[in-house]
Amino acid sequence: MAIAVNLDVVMAKKKMSASELASKVHITPANLSILKNNKAKAIRFSTLEAICKALDCQPGDLLEYVADD
């Protein structure tokens, strides 16, 4: 996968649980888990914005380009 999601790292730094973030962002815990585990094929900008607001971070803190070998 060329784009890695570092959501778990940012959540740990901010000391926020998955259930708390899911509640703040208004998404299901299952959908949050898909994002956290790099299983998502896409993310809506509105969801990304809500996550950044809840975690007080930038999109670049959550998403990282990883070159394929």
PDB file of N, CA and C in Angstrom:
ATOM      1  N   MET A   1       0.845  -1.184   0.000  1.00  0.00           N
ATOM      2  CA  MET A   1       0.000   0.000   0.000  1.00  0.00           C
ATOM      3  C   MET A   1       0.883   1.237   0.000  1.00  0.00           C
ATOM      4  N   ALA A   2       0.581   2.177  -0.859  1.00  0.00           N
ATOM      5  CA  ALA A   2       1.402   3.367  -0.995  1.00  0.00           C
ATOM      6  C   ALA A   2       1.093   4.438   0.051  1.00  0.00           C
ATOM      7  N   ILE A   3      -0.118   4.458   0.577  1.00  0.00           N
ATOM      8  CA  ILE A   3      -0.484   5.428   1.609  1.00  0.00           C
ATOM      9  C   ILE A   3      -0.706   4.669   2.919  1.00  0.00           C
ATOM     10  N   ALA A   4       0.060   5.037   3.935  1.00  0.00           N
ATOM     11  CA  ALA A   4      -0.085   4.420   5.258  1.00  0.00           C
ATOM     12  C   ALA A   4      -0.862   5.377   6.154  1.00  0.00           C
ATOM     13  N   VAL A   5      -1.738   4.824   6.961  1.00  0.00           N
ATOM     14  CA  VAL A   5      -2.534   5.615   7.903  1.00  0.00           C
ATOM     15  C   VAL A   5      -1.931   5.430   9.293  1.00  0.00           C
ATOM     16  N   ASN A   6      -1.478   6.520   9.885  1.00  0.00           N
ATOM     17  CA  ASN A   6      -0.847   6.497  11.203  1.00  0.00           C
ATOM     18  C   ASN A   6      -1.814   6.933  12.300  1.00  0.00           C
ATOM     19  N   LEU A   7      -3.056   6.594  12.135  1.00  0.00           N
ATOM     20  CA  LEU A   7      -4.089   7.014  13.078  1.00  0.00           C
ATOM     21  C   LEU A   7      -3.827   6.477  14.479  1.00  0.00           C
ATOM     22  N   ASP A   8      -3.415   5.230  14.582  1.00  0.00           N
ATOM     23  CA  ASP A   8      -3.155   4.644  15.901  1.00  0.00           C
ATOM     24  C   ASP A   8      -2.035   5.366  16.635  1.00  0.00           C
ATOM     25  N   VAL A   9      -1.023   5.813  15.902  1.00  0.00           N
ATOM     26  CA  VAL A   9       0.105   6.535  16.508  1.00  0.00           C
ATOM     27  C   VAL A   9      -0.366   7.874  17.069  1.00  0.00           C
ATOM     28  N   VAL A  10      -1.132   8.606  16.264  1.00  0.00           N
ATOM     29  CA  VAL A  10      -1.624   9.917  16.697  1.00  0.00           C
ATOM     30  C   VAL A  10      -2.594   9.762  17.870  1.00  0.00           C
ATOM     31  N   MET A  11      -3.441   8.741  17.820  1.00  0.00           N
ATOM     32  CA  MET A  11      -4.370   8.504  18.926  1.00  0.00           C
ATOM     33  C   MET A  11      -3.607   8.209  20.212  1.00  0.00           C
ATOM     34  N   ALA A  12      -2.547   7.435  20.127  1.00  0.00           N
ATOM     35  CA  ALA A  12      -1.748   7.112  21.311  1.00  0.00           C
ATOM     36  C   ALA A  12      -1.085   8.374  21.875  1.00  0.00           C
ATOM     37  N   LYS A  13      -0.553   9.217  20.993  1.00  0.00           N
ATOM     38  CA  LYS A  13       0.083  10.459  21.442  1.00  0.00           C
ATOM     39  C   LYS A  13      -0.914  11.379  22.138  1.00  0.00           C
ATOM     40  N   LYS A  14      -2.136  11.393  21.635  1.00  0.00           N
ATOM     41  CA  LYS A  14      -3.181  12.259  22.205  1.00  0.00           C
ATOM     42  C   LYS A  14      -3.944  11.570  23.331  1.00  0.00           C
ATOM     43  N   LYS A  15      -3.599  10.304  23.599  1.00  0.00           N
ATOM     44  CA  LYS A  15      -4.238   9.511  24.660  1.00  0.00           C
ATOM     45  C   LYS A  15      -5.757   9.464  24.487  1.00  0.00           C
ATOM     46  N   MET A  16      -6.178   9.140  23.259  1.00  0.00           N
ATOM     47  CA  MET A  16      -7.599   9.033  22.961  1.00  0.00           C
ATOM     48  C   MET A  16      -7.918   7.608  22.532  1.00  0.00           C
ATOM     49  N   SER A  17      -8.965   7.062  23.101  1.00  0.00           N
ATOM     50  CA  SER A  17      -9.374   5.697  22.764  1.00  0.00           C
ATOM     51  C   SER A  17     -10.134   5.691  21.441  1.00  0.00           C
ATOM     52  N   ALA A  18     -10.220   4.522  20.843  1.00  0.00           N
ATOM     53  CA  ALA A  18     -10.937   4.367  19.582  1.00  0.00           C
ATOM     54  C   ALA A  18     -12.417   4.697  19.757  1.00  0.00           C
ATOM     55  N   SER A  19     -13.003   4.252  20.845  1.00  0.00           N
ATOM     56  CA  SER A  19     -14.431   4.524  21.057  1.00  0.00           C
ATOM     57  C   SER A  19     -14.691   6.017  21.260  1.00  0.00           C
ATOM     58  N   GLU A  20     -13.785   6.689  21.950  1.00  0.00           N
ATOM     59  CA  GLU A  20     -13.942   8.134  22.153  1.00  0.00           C
ATOM     60  C   GLU A  20     -13.824   8.881  20.826  1.00  0.00           C
ATOM     61  N   LEU A  21     -12.837   8.503  20.008  1.00  0.00           N
ATOM     62  CA  LEU A  21     -12.664   9.166  18.711  1.00  0.00           C
ATOM     63  C   LEU A  21     -13.851   8.878  17.799  1.00  0.00           C
ATOM     64  N   ALA A  22     -14.303   7.650  17.751  1.00  0.00           N
ATOM     65  CA  ALA A  22     -15.451   7.299  16.911  1.00  0.00           C
ATOM     66  C   ALA A  22     -16.667   8.133  17.300  1.00  0.00           C
ATOM     67  N   SER A  23     -16.863   8.320  18.599  1.00  0.00           N
ATOM     68  CA  SER A  23     -17.979   9.117  19.088  1.00  0.00           C
ATOM     69  C   SER A  23     -17.848  10.575  18.665  1.00  0.00           C
ATOM     70  N   LYS A  24     -16.656  11.138  18.794  1.00  0.00           N
ATOM     71  CA  LYS A  24     -16.428  12.542  18.444  1.00  0.00           C
ATOM     72  C   LYS A  24     -16.565  12.788  16.946  1.00  0.00           C
ATOM     73  N   VAL A  25     -16.159  11.803  16.132  1.00  0.00           N
ATOM     74  CA  VAL A  25     -16.149  11.956  14.681  1.00  0.00           C
ATOM     75  C   VAL A  25     -17.481  11.517  14.062  1.00  0.00           C
ATOM     76  N   HIS A  26     -18.312  10.839  14.849  1.00  0.00           N
ATOM     77  CA  HIS A  26     -19.604  10.338  14.394  1.00  0.00           C
ATOM     78  C   HIS A  26     -19.462   9.290  13.301  1.00  0.00           C
ATOM     79  N   ILE A  27     -18.526   8.348  13.513  1.00  0.00           N
ATOM     80  CA  ILE A  27     -18.420   7.181  12.642  1.00  0.00           C
ATOM     81  C   ILE A  27     -18.486   5.941  13.534  1.00  0.00           C
ATOM     82  N   THR A  28     -18.768   4.818  12.930  1.00  0.00           N
ATOM     83  CA  THR A  28     -18.876   3.590  13.716  1.00  0.00           C
ATOM     84  C   THR A  28     -17.489   3.119  14.147  1.00  0.00           C
ATOM     85  N   PRO A  29     -17.408   2.442  15.270  1.00  0.00           N
ATOM     86  CA  PRO A  29     -16.117   1.860  15.676  1.00  0.00           C
ATOM     87  C   PRO A  29     -15.554   0.918  14.619  1.00  0.00           C
ATOM     88  N   ALA A  30     -16.422   0.222  13.897  1.00  0.00           N
ATOM     89  CA  ALA A  30     -15.961  -0.681  12.833  1.00  0.00           C
ATOM     90  C   ALA A  30     -15.281   0.102  11.707  1.00  0.00           C
ATOM     91  N   ASN A  31     -15.852   1.223  11.302  1.00  0.00           N
ATOM     92  CA  ASN A  31     -15.234   2.038  10.250  1.00  0.00           C
ATOM     93  C   ASN A  31     -13.932   2.669  10.729  1.00  0.00           C
ATOM     94  N   LEU A  32     -13.883   3.060  11.980  1.00  0.00           N
ATOM     95  CA  LEU A  32     -12.638   3.595  12.533  1.00  0.00           C
ATOM     96  C   LEU A  32     -11.555   2.519  12.536  1.00  0.00           C
ATOM     97  N   SER A  33     -11.935   1.313  12.871  1.00  0.00           N
ATOM     98  CA  SER A  33     -10.995   0.190  12.869  1.00  0.00           C
ATOM     99  C   SER A  33     -10.446  -0.062  11.473  1.00  0.00           C
ATOM    100  N   ILE A  34     -11.285   0.046  10.463  1.00  0.00           N
ATOM    101  CA  ILE A  34     -10.843  -0.126   9.073  1.00  0.00           C
ATOM    102  C   ILE A  34      -9.786   0.922   8.736  1.00  0.00           C
ATOM    103  N   LEU A  35     -10.005   2.150   9.167  1.00  0.00           N
ATOM    104  CA  LEU A  35      -9.013   3.212   8.934  1.00  0.00           C
ATOM    105  C   LEU A  35      -7.715   2.927   9.687  1.00  0.00           C
ATOM    106  N   LYS A  36      -7.837   2.578  10.960  1.00  0.00           N
ATOM    107  CA  LYS A  36      -6.658   2.339  11.799  1.00  0.00           C
ATOM    108  C   LYS A  36      -5.782   1.203  11.271  1.00  0.00           C
ATOM    109  N   ASN A  37      -6.410   0.202  10.680  1.00  0.00           N
ATOM    110  CA  ASN A  37      -5.686  -0.987  10.245  1.00  0.00           C
ATOM    111  C   ASN A  37      -5.291  -0.958   8.773  1.00  0.00           C
ATOM    112  N   ASN A  38      -5.304   0.232   8.173  1.00  0.00           N
ATOM    113  CA  ASN A  38      -4.902   0.400   6.770  1.00  0.00           C
ATOM    114  C   ASN A  38      -5.705  -0.458   5.809  1.00  0.00           C
ATOM    115  N   LYS A  39      -6.961  -0.691   6.107  1.00  0.00           N
ATOM    116  CA  LYS A  39      -7.831  -1.485   5.230  1.00  0.00           C
ATOM    117  C   LYS A  39      -8.726  -0.610   4.359  1.00  0.00           C
ATOM    118  N   ALA A  40      -8.751   0.680   4.619  1.00  0.00           N
ATOM    119  CA  ALA A  40      -9.639   1.592   3.890  1.00  0.00           C
ATOM    120  C   ALA A  40      -9.109   1.841   2.485  1.00  0.00           C
ATOM    121  N   LYS A  41     -10.007   1.909   1.525  1.00  0.00           N
ATOM    122  CA  LYS A  41      -9.664   2.234   0.139  1.00  0.00           C
ATOM    123  C   LYS A  41      -9.747   3.736  -0.103  1.00  0.00           C
ATOM    124  N   ALA A  42     -10.521   4.427   0.742  1.00  0.00           N
ATOM    125  CA  ALA A  42     -10.726   5.868   0.574  1.00  0.00           C
ATOM    126  C   ALA A  42     -11.180   6.459   1.910  1.00  0.00           C
ATOM    127  N   ILE A  43     -11.073   7.779   2.001  1.00  0.00           N
ATOM    128  CA  ILE A  43     -11.599   8.495   3.161  1.00  0.00           C
ATOM    129  C   ILE A  43     -12.192   9.806   2.665  1.00  0.00           C
ATOM    130  N   ARG A  44     -13.352  10.138   3.171  1.00  0.00           N
ATOM    131  CA  ARG A  44     -13.982  11.404   2.804  1.00  0.00           C
ATOM    132  C   ARG A  44     -13.230  12.553   3.467  1.00  0.00           C
ATOM    133  N   PHE A  45     -13.151  13.655   2.762  1.00  0.00           N
ATOM    134  CA  PHE A  45     -12.500  14.831   3.344  1.00  0.00           C
ATOM    135  C   PHE A  45     -13.218  15.272   4.607  1.00  0.00           C
ATOM    136  N   SER A  46     -14.524  15.140   4.651  1.00  0.00           N
ATOM    137  CA  SER A  46     -15.270  15.551   5.844  1.00  0.00           C
ATOM    138  C   SER A  46     -14.898  14.678   7.048  1.00  0.00           C
ATOM    139  N   THR A  47     -14.656  13.387   6.808  1.00  0.00           N
ATOM    140  CA  THR A  47     -14.224  12.489   7.885  1.00  0.00           C
ATOM    141  C   THR A  47     -12.806  12.829   8.308  1.00  0.00           C
ATOM    142  N   LEU A  48     -11.939  13.067   7.340  1.00  0.00           N
ATOM    143  CA  LEU A  48     -10.556  13.440   7.642  1.00  0.00           C
ATOM    144  C   LEU A  48     -10.523  14.739   8.437  1.00  0.00           C
ATOM    145  N   GLU A  49     -11.337  15.696   8.040  1.00  0.00           N
ATOM    146  CA  GLU A  49     -11.412  16.974   8.761  1.00  0.00           C
ATOM    147  C   GLU A  49     -11.878  16.761  10.204  1.00  0.00           C
ATOM    148  N   ALA A  50     -12.892  15.926  10.393  1.00  0.00           N
ATOM    149  CA  ALA A  50     -13.414  15.668  11.734  1.00  0.00           C
ATOM    150  C   ALA A  50     -12.381  14.968  12.606  1.00  0.00           C
ATOM    151  N   ILE A  51     -11.626  14.037  12.032  1.00  0.00           N
ATOM    152  CA  ILE A  51     -10.576  13.346  12.784  1.00  0.00           C
ATOM    153  C   ILE A  51      -9.480  14.333  13.177  1.00  0.00           C
ATOM    154  N   CYS A  52      -9.069  15.172  12.234  1.00  0.00           N
ATOM    155  CA  CYS A  52      -8.034  16.170  12.535  1.00  0.00           C
ATOM    156  C   CYS A  52      -8.502  17.139  13.622  1.00  0.00           C
ATOM    157  N   LYS A  53      -9.750  17.532  13.573  1.00  0.00           N
ATOM    158  CA  LYS A  53     -10.294  18.441  14.591  1.00  0.00           C
ATOM    159  C   LYS A  53     -10.305  17.758  15.957  1.00  0.00           C
ATOM    160  N   ALA A  54     -10.770  16.510  16.001  1.00  0.00           N
ATOM    161  CA  ALA A  54     -10.865  15.783  17.273  1.00  0.00           C
ATOM    162  C   ALA A  54      -9.489  15.508  17.878  1.00  0.00           C
ATOM    163  N   LEU A  55      -8.500  15.250  17.019  1.00  0.00           N
ATOM    164  CA  LEU A  55      -7.151  14.926  17.502  1.00  0.00           C
ATOM    165  C   LEU A  55      -6.211  16.133  17.513  1.00  0.00           C
ATOM    166  N   ASP A  56      -6.710  17.297  17.059  1.00  0.00           N
ATOM    167  CA  ASP A  56      -5.903  18.511  16.975  1.00  0.00           C
ATOM    168  C   ASP A  56      -4.597  18.226  16.231  1.00  0.00           C
ATOM    169  N   CYS A  57      -4.754  17.762  14.979  1.00  0.00           N
ATOM    170  CA  CYS A  57      -3.579  17.425  14.170  1.00  0.00           C
ATOM    171  C   CYS A  57      -3.815  17.837  12.729  1.00  0.00           C
ATOM    172  N   GLN A  58      -2.826  17.613  11.892  1.00  0.00           N
ATOM    173  CA  GLN A  58      -2.895  17.905  10.467  1.00  0.00           C
ATOM    174  C   GLN A  58      -3.065  16.600   9.693  1.00  0.00           C
ATOM    175  N   PRO A  59      -3.639  16.651   8.471  1.00  0.00           N
ATOM    176  CA  PRO A  59      -3.766  15.432   7.671  1.00  0.00           C
ATOM    177  C   PRO A  59      -2.434  14.712   7.470  1.00  0.00           C
ATOM    178  N   GLY A  60      -1.356  15.461   7.359  1.00  0.00           N
ATOM    179  CA  GLY A  60      -0.032  14.870   7.185  1.00  0.00           C
ATOM    180  C   GLY A  60       0.443  14.083   8.398  1.00  0.00           C
ATOM    181  N   ASP A  61      -0.146  14.362   9.555  1.00  0.00           N
ATOM    182  CA  ASP A  61       0.177  13.572  10.747  1.00  0.00           C
ATOM    183  C   ASP A  61      -0.453  12.188  10.661  1.00  0.00           C
ATOM    184  N   LEU A  62      -1.546  12.081   9.917  1.00  0.00           N
ATOM    185  CA  LEU A  62      -2.302  10.835   9.825  1.00  0.00           C
ATOM    186  C   LEU A  62      -1.930   9.997   8.609  1.00  0.00           C
ATOM    187  N   LEU A  63      -1.582  10.657   7.502  1.00  0.00           N
ATOM    188  CA  LEU A  63      -1.324   9.967   6.250  1.00  0.00           C
ATOM    189  C   LEU A  63       0.136  10.104   5.843  1.00  0.00           C
ATOM    190  N   GLU A  64       0.685   9.014   5.353  1.00  0.00           N
ATOM    191  CA  GLU A  64       2.104   8.988   4.971  1.00  0.00           C
ATOM    192  C   GLU A  64       2.258   8.206   3.667  1.00  0.00           C
ATOM    193  N   TYR A  65       3.018   8.746   2.739  1.00  0.00           N
ATOM    194  CA  TYR A  65       3.320   8.041   1.496  1.00  0.00           C
ATOM    195  C   TYR A  65       4.476   7.091   1.737  1.00  0.00           C
ATOM    196  N   VAL A  66       4.270   5.832   1.383  1.00  0.00           N
ATOM    197  CA  VAL A  66       5.310   4.799   1.513  1.00  0.00           C
ATOM    198  C   VAL A  66       5.516   4.191   0.120  1.00  0.00           C
ATOM    199  N   ALA A  67       6.694   4.352  -0.413  1.00  0.00           N
ATOM    200  CA  ALA A  67       6.981   3.836  -1.757  1.00  0.00           C
ATOM    201  C   ALA A  67       6.957   2.306  -1.760  1.00  0.00           C
ATOM    202  N   ASP A  68       6.368   1.743  -2.824  1.00  0.00           N
ATOM    203  CA  ASP A  68       6.367   0.293  -2.988  1.00  0.00           C
ATOM    204  C   ASP A  68       7.750  -0.151  -3.424  1.00  0.00           C
ATOM    205  N   ASP A  69       8.145  -1.332  -2.977  1.00  0.00           N
ATOM    206  CA  ASP A  69       9.468  -1.854  -3.368  1.00  0.00           C
ATOM    207  C   ASP A  69       9.454  -2.430  -4.762  1.00  0.00           C
TER     208      ASP A  69
END
